Protein backbone atom coordinates (compact mmCIF):
# COMPACT_ATOMS: atom_id res chain seq x y z
CA MET A 1 11.46 7.43 -7.59
CA ALA A 2 8.74 5.47 -8.71
CA LEU A 3 6.68 7.07 -5.70
CA LEU A 4 3.78 9.65 -6.34
CA THR A 5 2.49 12.11 -3.28
CA LEU A 6 0.33 14.13 -3.76
CA LEU A 7 -0.82 17.11 -1.62
CA CYS A 8 -4.87 18.06 -0.43
CA LEU A 9 -4.39 21.70 -2.15
CA ALA A 10 -8.02 23.68 -1.69
CA GLY A 11 -8.56 24.32 -5.66
CA LEU A 12 -5.77 22.56 -6.73
CA TYR A 13 -5.39 18.95 -6.13
CA ALA A 14 -8.63 18.21 -4.29
CA ALA A 15 -11.49 18.63 -6.24
CA VAL A 16 -14.26 19.93 -4.36
CA HIS A 17 -17.79 19.19 -5.66
CA GLY A 18 -20.96 19.66 -3.69
CA GLN A 19 -21.91 16.31 -4.15
CA TYR A 20 -19.94 14.66 -2.25
CA LEU A 21 -20.13 14.74 2.05
CA TYR A 22 -16.12 15.57 1.98
CA ASP A 23 -13.98 17.90 0.44
CA THR A 24 -11.35 15.62 0.33
CA VAL A 25 -11.74 13.89 -3.34
CA PHE A 26 -8.97 13.08 -5.96
CA ASN A 27 -10.11 11.68 -9.08
CA ILE A 28 -6.58 10.69 -10.68
CA ASP A 29 -6.33 10.17 -14.48
CA CYS A 30 -3.49 7.59 -14.91
CA GLY A 31 -1.66 8.89 -17.54
CA GLY A 32 -3.31 11.94 -18.58
CA TYR A 33 -2.05 14.60 -19.77
CA LYS A 34 -4.03 17.59 -18.32
CA ASN A 35 -6.42 18.33 -15.79
CA PHE A 36 -10.31 17.86 -17.58
CA THR A 37 -13.47 18.27 -16.07
CA ASN A 38 -15.92 15.91 -17.63
CA LYS A 39 -19.59 15.92 -18.43
CA PHE A 40 -20.61 14.61 -14.55
CA ASN A 41 -19.28 17.64 -13.44
CA GLN A 42 -15.82 15.49 -12.20
CA THR A 43 -12.83 17.16 -12.21
CA TRP A 44 -10.02 15.09 -13.02
CA MET A 45 -6.13 15.66 -12.39
CA SER A 46 -3.68 14.44 -14.38
CA ASP A 47 -0.70 12.35 -12.81
CA ARG A 48 2.10 13.37 -15.14
CA PHE A 49 3.87 15.05 -12.26
CA TYR A 50 4.47 10.85 -11.60
CA THR A 51 8.20 10.94 -11.94
CA GLY A 52 7.78 6.52 -11.96
CA GLY A 53 6.75 4.96 -15.06
CA ALA A 54 5.19 5.99 -17.72
CA PRO A 55 1.88 7.40 -19.65
CA GLY A 56 0.19 5.10 -21.93
CA LEU A 57 -2.82 5.48 -24.39
CA VAL A 58 -5.06 2.31 -25.08
CA SER A 59 -5.09 1.20 -28.65
CA GLU A 60 -8.59 2.05 -29.67
CA PRO A 61 -9.31 5.06 -27.66
CA HIS A 62 -12.76 5.61 -29.53
CA ILE A 63 -14.61 2.41 -27.75
CA PHE A 64 -14.14 4.06 -24.20
CA GLU A 65 -16.76 6.66 -23.62
CA GLN A 66 -14.59 8.47 -20.44
CA GLU A 67 -11.55 10.37 -21.31
CA GLN A 68 -9.67 9.11 -17.93
CA GLU A 69 -10.24 5.06 -19.64
CA LYS A 70 -8.23 6.29 -22.42
CA THR A 71 -4.72 7.01 -21.02
CA LEU A 72 -2.94 4.52 -18.33
CA ARG A 73 0.44 4.43 -16.65
CA PHE A 74 2.55 1.28 -16.58
CA PHE A 75 5.51 0.22 -14.64
CA PRO A 76 8.13 -1.38 -16.01
CA ILE A 77 10.09 -4.03 -14.12
CA ALA A 78 13.09 -1.44 -14.47
CA MET A 79 11.38 0.44 -12.32
CA GLY A 80 11.16 -1.90 -9.52
CA LYS A 81 9.01 -4.40 -8.76
CA LYS A 82 6.54 -2.71 -6.40
CA ASN A 83 5.15 1.39 -7.57
CA CYS A 84 2.59 3.36 -5.19
CA TYR A 85 0.33 6.11 -5.58
CA ILE A 86 0.70 7.96 -2.09
CA VAL A 87 -1.64 10.32 -1.53
CA ASN A 88 -1.56 12.76 1.60
CA VAL A 89 -5.34 12.90 2.75
CA PRO A 90 -7.13 13.63 6.75
CA GLU A 91 -7.77 10.42 8.93
CA GLY A 92 -10.27 8.94 8.53
CA ARG A 93 -12.14 6.16 6.26
CA TYR A 94 -12.46 6.48 2.11
CA TYR A 95 -14.15 4.69 -0.46
CA ILE A 96 -11.32 3.91 -3.17
CA ARG A 97 -12.05 3.25 -7.03
CA THR A 98 -9.86 1.83 -9.74
CA PHE A 99 -9.91 1.13 -13.09
CA PHE A 100 -7.70 -1.21 -15.28
CA VAL A 101 -7.27 -1.49 -18.92
CA TYR A 102 -4.91 -3.35 -21.54
CA ASP A 103 -6.98 -2.64 -24.76
CA ASN A 104 -3.30 -4.03 -26.06
CA TYR A 105 -1.71 -0.68 -25.57
CA ASP A 106 2.42 -2.10 -26.43
CA SER A 107 1.29 -4.06 -29.27
CA ARG A 108 2.29 -6.85 -27.57
CA LYS A 109 -0.57 -8.66 -26.99
CA HIS A 110 -0.36 -9.87 -23.72
CA THR A 111 -2.10 -9.07 -20.77
CA PRO A 112 0.17 -8.49 -17.27
CA SER A 113 -0.10 -10.37 -14.32
CA PHE A 114 -0.11 -8.09 -11.22
CA ASP A 115 -1.22 -7.52 -7.53
CA VAL A 116 -2.70 -4.37 -6.07
CA SER A 117 -2.64 -3.71 -2.17
CA VAL A 118 -4.46 -0.48 -0.42
CA GLU A 119 -2.90 0.01 2.90
CA GLY A 120 -0.74 -2.53 2.58
CA THR A 121 -2.96 -4.66 2.26
CA LEU A 122 -3.69 -7.39 -0.38
CA VAL A 123 -7.08 -6.55 -2.34
CA PHE A 124 -6.84 -7.30 -6.10
CA SER A 125 -5.08 -9.99 -8.38
CA TRP A 126 -4.96 -9.46 -11.94
CA ARG A 127 -3.18 -12.58 -13.83
CA SER A 128 -2.93 -12.94 -17.28
CA PRO A 129 -4.63 -13.69 -19.49
CA TRP A 130 -7.41 -11.87 -18.94
CA LEU A 131 -10.93 -11.77 -19.68
CA GLU A 132 -11.21 -10.01 -23.18
CA THR A 133 -13.82 -8.25 -22.02
CA ASN A 134 -11.88 -6.79 -19.13
CA SER A 135 -8.50 -6.47 -21.40
CA ARG A 136 -10.47 -4.93 -23.82
CA LYS A 137 -12.98 -2.35 -22.26
CA GLY A 138 -11.44 -2.34 -18.77
CA ALA A 139 -13.09 -2.89 -14.96
CA TYR A 140 -13.78 -0.89 -12.02
CA SER A 141 -12.82 -2.63 -9.03
CA ASP A 142 -13.50 -0.46 -5.35
CA LEU A 143 -13.53 -1.09 -1.80
CA PHE A 144 -13.75 1.11 1.97
CA VAL A 145 -10.86 1.21 3.84
CA PHE A 146 -9.58 3.54 6.99
CA VAL A 147 -6.51 5.79 6.46
CA ARG A 148 -4.83 5.97 9.80
CA ASP A 149 -1.26 7.24 8.94
CA GLY A 150 -2.52 10.14 6.42
CA GLU A 151 -1.45 8.83 3.34
CA ALA A 152 -3.67 6.80 1.44
CA THR A 153 -1.34 4.07 -0.15
CA VAL A 154 -2.06 2.38 -3.55
CA CYS A 155 0.57 0.24 -4.18
CA LEU A 156 0.93 -2.09 -8.02
CA TYR A 157 3.37 -5.23 -7.58
CA SER A 158 4.43 -6.68 -10.93
CA ILE A 159 4.32 -10.46 -10.88
CA ALA A 160 7.21 -12.30 -12.93
CA THR A 161 8.41 -9.42 -14.88
CA ASP A 162 5.23 -8.06 -16.46
CA ALA A 163 4.74 -4.25 -16.24
CA PRO A 164 0.92 -3.39 -14.18
CA VAL A 165 -1.13 -0.64 -15.61
CA ILE A 166 -3.52 1.22 -14.08
CA GLY A 167 -6.25 4.08 -15.44
CA SER A 168 -7.64 6.04 -12.66
CA LEU A 169 -7.76 5.58 -9.47
CA GLU A 170 -10.62 7.56 -7.43
CA ILE A 171 -10.10 8.50 -3.43
CA ILE A 172 -13.25 10.01 -1.90
CA GLN A 173 -13.36 10.48 2.15
CA VAL A 174 -17.21 9.05 3.40
CA ASP A 175 -18.83 8.75 6.88
CA PRO A 176 -16.08 6.73 9.34
CA LEU A 177 -19.53 4.81 10.87
CA SER A 178 -20.97 3.88 7.92
CA TYR A 179 -21.86 0.41 6.81
CA GLY A 180 -22.12 -0.52 10.67
CA SER A 181 -18.55 0.33 11.33
CA SER A 182 -16.99 0.62 14.87
CA SER A 183 -13.58 0.43 16.61
CA ASN A 184 -13.30 -2.90 15.94
CA GLN A 185 -14.25 -3.24 12.12
CA GLN A 186 -11.86 -0.43 11.78
CA ASN A 187 -8.94 -3.04 11.24
CA VAL A 188 -10.78 -4.55 8.12
CA ILE A 189 -11.52 -3.25 4.44
CA LEU A 190 -14.33 -4.12 2.69
CA VAL A 191 -13.89 -5.37 -0.98
CA ASN A 192 -17.01 -4.68 -3.43
CA TYR A 193 -18.02 -8.28 -4.99
CA GLY A 194 -21.00 -6.84 -6.15
CA ARG A 195 -23.21 -3.28 -5.84
CA LEU A 196 -25.99 -3.79 -7.70
CA THR A 197 -29.63 -1.37 -8.34
CA CYS A 198 -32.65 -3.55 -9.16
CA GLY A 199 -34.60 -3.13 -12.06
CA SER A 200 -32.51 -0.04 -13.26
CA ASP A 201 -30.04 0.60 -15.49
CA SER A 202 -26.82 1.70 -13.84
CA PHE A 203 -25.64 4.71 -12.28
CA GLY A 204 -23.76 6.66 -10.47
CA PRO A 205 -20.31 8.49 -10.85
CA GLY A 206 -19.28 8.13 -14.77
CA PHE A 207 -23.13 6.57 -15.59
CA SER A 208 -25.01 8.91 -14.74
CA ASN A 209 -25.78 12.99 -12.65
CA ASP A 210 -27.36 10.78 -10.38
CA THR A 211 -25.79 12.09 -7.31
CA ASP A 212 -23.92 9.49 -4.40
CA ARG A 213 -22.46 11.03 -1.46
CA PHE A 214 -19.73 8.34 -1.40
CA GLY A 215 -19.13 8.60 -5.11
CA ARG A 216 -20.38 4.95 -5.36
CA ALA A 217 -21.04 3.22 -8.62
CA TRP A 218 -24.08 1.12 -8.71
CA GLN A 219 -24.52 -1.92 -11.42
CA SER A 220 -27.28 -2.95 -12.91
CA ASP A 221 -28.63 -6.41 -11.74
CA TYR A 222 -29.57 -7.83 -14.95
CA THR A 223 -26.39 -10.49 -15.21
CA PHE A 224 -27.05 -11.29 -11.56
CA SER A 225 -30.38 -12.45 -11.56
CA GLN A 226 -31.31 -15.84 -12.20
CA SER A 227 -34.79 -16.04 -11.76
CA THR A 228 -36.92 -18.18 -14.33
CA ALA A 229 -40.48 -15.86 -13.73
CA MET A 230 -40.78 -13.18 -15.93
CA LYS A 231 -39.52 -10.07 -14.20
CA ARG A 232 -41.74 -6.58 -13.75
CA PRO A 233 -39.29 -3.83 -13.28
CA LEU A 234 -40.66 -0.73 -11.00
CA SER A 235 -40.22 2.75 -11.15
CA THR A 236 -41.39 6.12 -9.13
CA ARG A 237 -40.73 9.29 -9.00
CA ASN A 238 -42.55 10.29 -5.95
CA PRO A 239 -39.95 11.11 -2.76
CA ILE A 240 -38.47 8.00 -0.44
CA LYS A 241 -38.42 8.97 2.96
CA SER A 242 -35.05 7.69 5.47
CA THR A 243 -32.30 7.80 1.52
CA ASP A 244 -29.07 9.99 1.79
CA GLN A 245 -29.06 10.51 5.78
CA ALA A 246 -26.28 9.16 7.94
CA HIS A 247 -24.07 7.21 8.10
CA ASP A 248 -24.48 5.34 4.77
CA TYR A 249 -26.34 8.22 2.06
CA PHE A 250 -27.28 5.85 0.45
CA PRO A 251 -29.31 7.48 -2.90
CA LEU A 252 -32.16 8.05 -3.49
CA HIS A 253 -32.24 6.92 -6.49
CA LEU A 254 -31.39 3.71 -5.70
CA TYR A 255 -34.93 3.43 -3.94
CA GLN A 256 -37.00 5.44 -6.66
CA THR A 257 -36.67 1.73 -8.88
CA ALA A 258 -37.21 -1.88 -7.72
CA LEU A 259 -37.01 -5.52 -9.38
CA THR A 260 -40.37 -7.82 -8.79
CA LEU A 261 -42.29 -10.94 -10.83
CA VAL A 262 -44.82 -10.81 -13.04
CA SER A 263 -46.36 -14.07 -10.95
CA ILE A 264 -45.67 -15.57 -7.53
CA ALA A 265 -42.46 -17.07 -7.52
CA PRO A 266 -38.65 -17.12 -6.02
CA LEU A 267 -36.81 -14.16 -6.81
CA GLU A 268 -33.12 -15.48 -7.08
CA TYR A 269 -29.17 -14.07 -7.68
CA THR A 270 -26.39 -15.78 -7.44
CA LEU A 271 -22.97 -13.95 -6.79
CA PRO A 272 -18.95 -14.53 -7.42
CA VAL A 273 -17.46 -15.06 -4.14
CA ASP A 274 -13.37 -16.09 -3.25
CA THR A 275 -14.23 -18.86 -0.38
CA ARG A 276 -11.62 -17.84 1.81
CA LEU A 277 -13.04 -14.55 3.08
CA ASP A 278 -16.44 -13.56 4.58
CA TYR A 279 -19.18 -11.87 3.03
CA MET A 280 -20.85 -8.69 4.38
CA ILE A 281 -24.34 -8.68 2.37
CA TRP A 282 -26.94 -5.66 2.62
CA PHE A 283 -30.74 -5.58 1.05
CA HIS A 284 -32.39 -2.66 -0.34
CA PHE A 285 -36.10 -2.48 -0.22
CA ALA A 286 -38.35 0.13 -0.51
CA GLU A 287 -42.09 -0.13 -1.30
CA ILE A 288 -43.10 1.95 -4.05
CA ASP A 289 -46.13 -0.01 -5.01
CA PRO A 290 -49.08 1.77 -4.42
CA THR A 291 -51.41 -0.88 -4.32
CA ILE A 292 -49.30 -2.71 -1.94
CA ASN A 293 -50.73 -1.05 1.37
CA ALA A 294 -51.25 -2.80 4.29
CA PRO A 295 -48.80 -4.80 6.43
CA GLY A 296 -49.27 -9.00 5.01
CA GLN A 297 -49.26 -7.80 1.09
CA ARG A 298 -46.00 -8.61 0.48
CA VAL A 299 -44.37 -10.96 2.61
CA PHE A 300 -40.69 -13.08 1.23
CA ASP A 301 -38.03 -15.50 3.25
CA ILE A 302 -34.64 -13.83 2.79
CA ILE A 303 -32.45 -17.81 2.02
CA ILE A 304 -29.06 -17.64 1.50
CA ASN A 305 -27.08 -20.31 0.67
CA GLY A 306 -30.18 -22.54 1.34
CA LYS A 307 -30.54 -21.41 4.65
CA ASN A 308 -33.32 -19.26 5.85
CA ILE A 309 -32.38 -16.29 7.13
CA HIS A 310 -35.18 -13.78 7.56
CA ARG A 311 -38.40 -13.15 7.10
CA MET A 312 -39.37 -9.59 5.81
CA ASP A 313 -42.30 -7.47 5.14
CA ILE A 314 -41.39 -3.96 4.04
CA PHE A 315 -44.73 -2.62 4.55
CA LYS A 316 -44.85 -3.53 8.16
CA GLU A 317 -41.45 -2.37 9.02
CA VAL A 318 -41.40 0.83 7.57
CA GLY A 319 -44.59 1.56 5.35
CA SER A 320 -44.81 2.24 1.94
CA PHE A 321 -41.88 4.52 -0.02
CA THR A 322 -39.72 4.76 2.39
CA ALA A 323 -35.92 3.05 2.37
CA LEU A 324 -35.43 -0.26 4.60
CA ARG A 325 -32.04 -1.63 4.86
CA TRP A 326 -31.18 -5.32 5.96
CA GLN A 327 -27.90 -6.77 6.49
CA TYR A 328 -26.27 -10.08 7.23
CA THR A 329 -22.92 -11.74 7.29
CA VAL A 330 -22.09 -15.11 5.11
CA SER A 331 -19.04 -17.07 6.82
CA ASN A 332 -17.00 -20.60 5.79
CA LEU A 333 -18.17 -20.95 2.63
CA SER A 334 -17.72 -24.36 0.73
CA LYS A 335 -18.50 -23.04 -2.81
CA SER A 336 -17.11 -20.10 -5.14
CA THR A 337 -20.92 -18.58 -5.48
CA ILE A 338 -23.55 -16.87 -2.23
CA SER A 339 -27.26 -17.89 -3.27
CA ILE A 340 -29.75 -15.63 -2.26
CA GLU A 341 -33.41 -16.17 -2.72
CA LEU A 342 -36.41 -14.15 -2.12
CA ASN A 343 -38.47 -16.55 -1.37
CA PRO A 344 -42.93 -15.74 -1.63
CA VAL A 345 -45.44 -16.16 1.99
CA SER A 346 -47.40 -13.73 0.53
CA GLY A 347 -47.74 -11.71 -2.56
CA ILE A 348 -44.59 -11.20 -5.26
CA PRO A 349 -41.08 -10.58 -3.97
CA LEU A 350 -39.34 -7.20 -4.52
CA ILE A 351 -35.71 -5.92 -3.98
CA SER A 352 -34.38 -2.37 -4.49
CA GLY A 353 -30.68 -2.98 -4.12
CA LEU A 354 -27.88 -5.45 -3.30
CA GLU A 355 -24.62 -4.84 -2.04
CA ASN A 356 -21.61 -8.01 -1.45
CA TYR A 357 -18.51 -7.54 0.71
CA ALA A 358 -15.17 -9.26 1.63
CA LEU A 359 -14.45 -8.73 4.66
CA VAL A 360 -10.51 -8.18 3.78
CA PRO A 361 -8.87 -8.23 7.60
CA MET A 362 -6.01 -5.39 7.35
CA ASP A 363 -2.25 -6.83 7.05
CA LEU A 364 -0.36 -5.56 9.51
CA ALA A 365 1.98 -2.95 8.73
CA THR A 366 5.61 -1.56 9.33
CA ASP A 367 6.12 0.24 12.68
CA HIS A 368 5.34 4.08 11.36
CA ALA A 369 8.86 5.30 13.05
CA GLU A 370 10.69 2.76 11.00
CA VAL A 371 9.12 3.54 7.55
CA VAL A 372 10.05 7.05 8.36
CA ALA A 373 12.94 6.01 8.99
CA MET A 374 13.45 3.84 5.78
CA ARG A 375 12.06 6.83 3.63
CA ALA A 376 14.92 8.75 4.86
CA LEU A 377 17.27 6.10 4.05
CA LYS A 378 15.84 5.55 0.41
CA GLN A 379 17.12 9.53 -0.05
CA SER A 380 20.20 9.62 1.75
CA LEU A 381 21.35 6.10 0.12
CA ARG A 382 20.36 7.50 -3.05
CA ILE A 383 18.07 4.06 -3.98
CA PRO A 384 17.77 3.34 -7.32
CA ASP A 385 14.37 3.14 -9.01
CA ARG A 386 15.19 -0.66 -10.00
CA MET A 387 14.85 -1.81 -6.17
CA GLY A 388 11.30 -0.58 -6.08
CA TRP A 389 11.56 0.89 -2.37
CA ASN A 390 8.47 2.47 -2.28
CA GLY A 391 4.72 2.36 -0.16
CA ASP A 392 5.25 -0.10 3.01
CA PRO A 393 8.86 -1.81 3.20
CA CYS A 394 7.19 -4.94 4.69
CA ALA A 395 4.12 -5.14 3.86
CA PRO A 396 1.68 -6.53 2.48
CA SER A 397 3.39 -9.80 4.23
CA THR A 398 2.72 -11.78 0.66
CA TRP A 399 4.72 -9.48 -1.22
CA ASP A 400 8.40 -9.37 -1.00
CA ALA A 401 9.92 -6.67 1.23
CA TRP A 402 12.13 -4.63 -0.74
CA GLU A 403 14.46 -5.67 -2.54
CA GLY A 404 17.68 -6.02 0.09
CA VAL A 405 15.60 -5.42 3.31
CA THR A 406 14.15 -8.54 5.72
CA CYS A 407 11.27 -7.98 7.82
CA HIS A 408 10.10 -10.10 11.02
CA TYR A 409 6.61 -9.29 13.58
CA ASN A 410 7.82 -7.07 16.17
CA LYS A 411 7.02 -8.99 19.88
CA ASP A 412 4.00 -8.16 20.56
CA ARG A 413 3.02 -9.05 17.17
CA THR A 414 1.55 -6.02 16.47
CA ALA A 415 3.56 -4.53 13.65
CA LEU A 416 6.30 -5.14 11.69
CA VAL A 417 9.50 -4.05 11.66
CA ILE A 418 13.51 -4.26 10.16
CA THR A 419 16.00 -7.10 10.95
CA GLN A 420 18.31 -6.39 7.83
CA LEU A 421 19.53 -4.60 5.81
CA ASP A 422 21.47 -6.07 2.88
CA LEU A 423 22.69 -3.14 0.37
CA GLY A 424 26.05 -4.20 -0.71
CA SER A 425 27.61 -3.73 -4.17
CA GLN A 426 24.71 -1.41 -5.36
CA GLY A 427 26.10 1.40 -6.80
CA LEU A 428 25.27 3.10 -3.82
CA LYS A 429 26.63 7.18 -3.76
CA GLY A 430 24.85 9.23 -1.00
CA PHE A 431 25.59 8.97 2.31
CA ILE A 432 24.12 6.85 6.08
CA SER A 433 21.62 9.27 7.12
CA GLU A 434 21.29 8.90 11.28
CA GLN A 435 17.78 8.15 10.50
CA ILE A 436 18.72 4.57 10.88
CA ASN A 437 19.69 4.60 14.64
CA VAL A 438 15.62 4.29 14.17
CA LEU A 439 15.77 1.19 13.24
CA SER A 440 16.29 -0.72 16.89
CA HIS A 441 15.31 -4.11 15.43
CA LEU A 442 17.91 -4.12 12.78
CA VAL A 443 20.40 -6.98 13.23
CA SER A 444 22.92 -7.03 10.45
CA LEU A 445 23.68 -4.23 8.14
CA ASN A 446 25.46 -4.20 5.11
CA LEU A 447 26.66 -1.25 2.72
CA SER A 448 29.91 -2.81 1.36
CA SER A 449 31.05 -2.06 -1.70
CA ASN A 450 29.08 1.36 -2.26
CA ILE A 451 30.41 4.93 -3.19
CA LEU A 452 29.12 6.18 0.32
CA GLN A 453 30.45 9.47 2.16
CA GLY A 454 29.92 10.95 4.97
CA SER A 455 30.70 10.23 8.30
CA ILE A 456 29.63 6.72 10.39
CA PRO A 457 26.31 8.13 12.06
CA LEU A 458 26.82 8.44 16.33
CA GLY A 459 25.14 6.01 18.04
CA LEU A 460 25.21 2.98 15.19
CA GLY A 461 25.24 -0.26 16.61
CA HIS A 462 23.30 0.16 19.76
CA GLY A 463 20.16 -1.92 19.91
CA SER A 464 19.83 -5.16 18.39
CA LEU A 465 22.57 -4.88 15.55
CA LYS A 466 25.15 -7.59 15.58
CA THR A 467 26.99 -7.14 12.19
CA VAL A 468 27.79 -4.37 10.75
CA ASP A 469 29.77 -4.13 7.20
CA LEU A 470 30.36 -0.80 5.87
CA SER A 471 33.47 -1.60 4.46
CA ASN A 472 34.85 -0.48 0.45
CA ASN A 473 33.48 2.85 0.67
CA GLN A 474 34.42 6.83 1.25
CA LEU A 475 33.74 7.00 4.77
CA ILE A 476 35.17 9.55 6.61
CA GLY A 477 35.49 10.77 10.34
CA THR A 478 35.75 9.15 13.33
CA ILE A 479 34.74 5.45 14.58
CA PRO A 480 31.62 6.64 16.94
CA ASP A 481 31.53 4.74 20.70
CA SER A 482 28.50 2.98 19.96
CA LEU A 483 29.96 0.61 17.44
CA GLY A 484 32.22 -1.17 20.24
CA SER A 485 28.38 -2.17 21.60
CA TRP A 486 28.25 -5.64 23.90
CA GLN A 487 26.48 -7.02 20.95
CA LEU A 488 28.24 -6.59 17.97
CA GLN A 489 30.21 -9.87 16.63
CA LEU A 490 31.52 -8.28 13.59
CA VAL A 491 32.39 -4.94 12.75
CA LEU A 492 34.04 -4.95 9.33
CA LEU A 493 34.99 -1.00 7.95
CA SER A 494 37.98 -1.62 6.19
CA ASN A 495 39.10 0.76 3.03
CA ASP A 496 37.28 3.60 3.92
CA ASN A 497 38.88 7.09 4.55
CA LEU A 498 38.26 7.16 8.54
CA GLU A 499 40.28 8.60 11.26
CA GLY A 500 41.71 8.93 14.73
CA GLN A 501 41.35 6.41 17.49
CA VAL A 502 39.61 3.61 17.80
CA PRO A 503 37.19 2.93 20.19
CA GLU A 504 38.67 0.60 23.44
CA ASN A 505 35.63 -1.50 23.30
CA LEU A 506 35.04 -1.96 19.52
CA TYR A 507 38.67 -3.30 19.38
CA SER A 508 37.59 -5.89 22.46
CA ILE A 509 34.99 -7.66 19.72
CA GLY A 510 38.14 -9.45 18.18
CA VAL A 511 39.74 -10.44 22.33
CA ARG A 512 35.59 -11.56 23.09
CA GLY A 513 35.87 -13.96 19.99
CA GLY A 514 33.94 -11.53 17.17
CA THR A 515 35.33 -10.51 13.63
CA ILE A 516 36.65 -7.11 13.35
CA ASN A 517 38.40 -5.70 9.73
CA LEU A 518 39.60 -1.71 10.04
CA SER A 519 42.53 -2.11 7.49
CA GLY A 520 43.09 0.23 4.78
CA ASN A 521 42.21 3.66 6.93
CA GLN A 522 45.46 5.08 6.69
CA GLY A 523 43.94 7.16 9.85
CA LEU A 524 43.29 5.01 12.52
CA CYS A 525 44.94 4.88 15.58
CA GLY A 526 45.48 3.34 19.64
CA VAL A 527 44.88 -0.51 18.91
CA PRO A 528 47.07 -3.05 18.38
CA SER A 529 48.10 -3.48 15.31
CA LEU A 530 48.08 0.06 14.19
CA ALA A 531 50.03 2.87 15.27
CA ALA A 532 49.90 4.34 18.47
CA CYS A 533 47.80 7.64 18.51
CA PRO A 534 50.20 11.04 19.16
CA TYR A 535 49.34 12.67 22.03
CA PHE A 536 47.25 15.13 20.36
CA TRP A 537 45.39 13.46 19.24
CA GLU A 538 41.69 13.70 20.37
CA LYS A 539 38.90 11.12 20.59
CA ARG A 540 36.66 13.11 17.84
CA GLY A 541 39.96 14.13 16.07
CA LEU A 542 42.98 16.77 16.26
CA SER A 543 42.98 19.47 18.40
CA VAL A 544 42.87 23.27 17.60
CA GLY A 545 46.39 22.96 18.85
CA ALA A 546 48.24 20.04 16.92
CA LYS A 547 46.34 20.91 13.97
CA ILE A 548 48.26 24.97 14.30
CA GLY A 549 51.57 22.42 14.98
CA LEU A 550 51.04 20.11 11.76
CA ALA A 551 51.29 23.59 10.03
CA LYS A 552 54.46 24.08 10.89
CA THR A 553 55.87 20.66 10.85
CA ASN A 554 56.24 17.64 9.15
CA ARG A 555 57.01 15.50 12.20
CA TYR A 556 53.93 14.60 13.64
CA GLN A 557 52.81 13.49 9.89
CA LYS A 558 55.62 10.90 9.08
CA GLN A 559 54.42 9.73 12.58
CA LYS A 560 50.53 9.23 11.59
CA HIS A 561 51.92 8.01 8.65
CA ARG A 562 53.38 4.93 10.31
CA MET A 563 49.49 3.86 11.38
CA VAL A 564 49.17 2.82 7.48
CA PHE A 565 49.09 -1.66 7.95
CA ASP A 566 52.59 -2.68 6.30
CA SER A 567 50.67 -5.51 4.67
CA ASP A 568 47.33 -7.71 4.25
CA ASP A 569 48.75 -10.93 5.76
CA GLN A 570 49.56 -8.33 9.12
CA ASN A 571 45.84 -7.58 8.59
CA MET A 572 44.77 -10.90 8.14
CA ASN A 573 47.00 -12.23 11.00
CA SER A 574 45.10 -9.46 13.41
CA PHE A 575 41.53 -9.04 12.28
CA PRO A 576 40.59 -12.02 10.66
CA THR A 577 36.98 -11.72 7.90
CA PRO A 578 35.26 -14.38 7.45
CA HIS A 579 34.32 -15.99 3.25
CA GLY A 580 30.95 -15.72 2.76
CA PHE A 581 30.00 -13.05 4.81
CA ALA A 582 26.89 -11.79 3.29
CA SER A 583 25.04 -15.02 2.30
CA ASN A 584 26.09 -16.52 5.65
CA LEU A 585 23.88 -14.03 8.09
CA ASN A 586 20.62 -15.64 10.12
CA PRO A 587 19.07 -12.76 11.98
CA VAL A 588 16.83 -13.35 14.62
């Protein structure tokens, strides 16, 4: 199974760090062989118990400073196109950080193309060729997302036949009300397009011992600042008020540094974006220059994409050595960058930090009850790894559903539902779980030409089901009455090991103009073209008395044998089977 489920076991899998807000913290070393604690006191757990994909090692481990960056896990196409990490967590909001690296680990000199989804929503896309820096040294990506089903799910989806790769995965629970969140914002993922500390080196987990209660890493603004005037970094060791407080817990270190200029001029930044999305920009300020001691001494306008949005006077708002946050949402972009200009009105502009998040609407997920049912079917049918039955069966909607699965929106378009299972000739060797009856929107079911055993689940045929093909398996037992439901138009049960009385309603499908085929089941009886059932045959099998009778004499056994069809011609005349059945199904 190409699926990893990590249980939140205190002291073993959930790394509990005092620096974080909650105890639910997972630092996963993908492809690693052992658990370890790094120099920043972060506990990393190996994913060596992962049963899908394979571990790999970068070709130049000496150029990577952190242990978890030297290993990776890759997923050959033989494991299916979709592979997932599923981590059991409490419901809430999470900071998820990923590290992707190639570094020619496979000696093929071909960076792979693949997509990444979180909670069933496409968030990252990697396309070959990668930038040389990203390929050789790797790249981090992160986001904030709500988890509502108790499972944090991160999936990788192969493009063409490339093998997706991942170096590390971090999942950290955060304040659900952070970043101005409210109930109507829980269906949006905040994808990081730039989290900058201004006038400072990068800091946070993996860079320094500076604490961030959410585990955020802050990147130096050096490559993003476009100002032509000479820059002047500022720093202080003085405490800054209003830091590390609910609900955002922005770290003290962020406000102890700032960037300004030597002379009066605009302070400018350019941030790369995707024009299809809206963006939420957070500005961070603190007046840490002791020479500014009154309102009006440092005033500047915030201009975004040429539009004057807000006039800022830090001292007037909060005084000195106090953190100040301001947020603005940018919509309807027409170009692939956002320009930010702090234009001086009085004195020289100053800024401590800058964050830019894409607002990615969460894709609809598959109905939760149907997800549970599909997982049960995956186990009972013994679905092979190559079919990629991992994560959400239908989501993201931009990807193909699980192999052999067709999905549609439900009636009120609040979830995705399963409408077709086409799993014929897949070599399946299990049995049909009763959970299949949970798939109430299923229109077509094809499990033909496998090696399935066991009985047909009671209740199969109710709901929306119109076509059923269970032929050419090794199914036993009686045919449930539910397979005579009025909406069924085609029922194929030929060449199994079924027995007993055929439900009268099932036979009536053919009378109504539908199609049934029961040939090749020696024990069936009770409808035209089949032998009459012995008087002692009860609907669900032989009575106790009949079984005793069969033990004493073979007379009734001979009568039972006469229930078998005499020839294929007789079968075809009574129960015609359409050609091209599987390819002509059109579920509604």
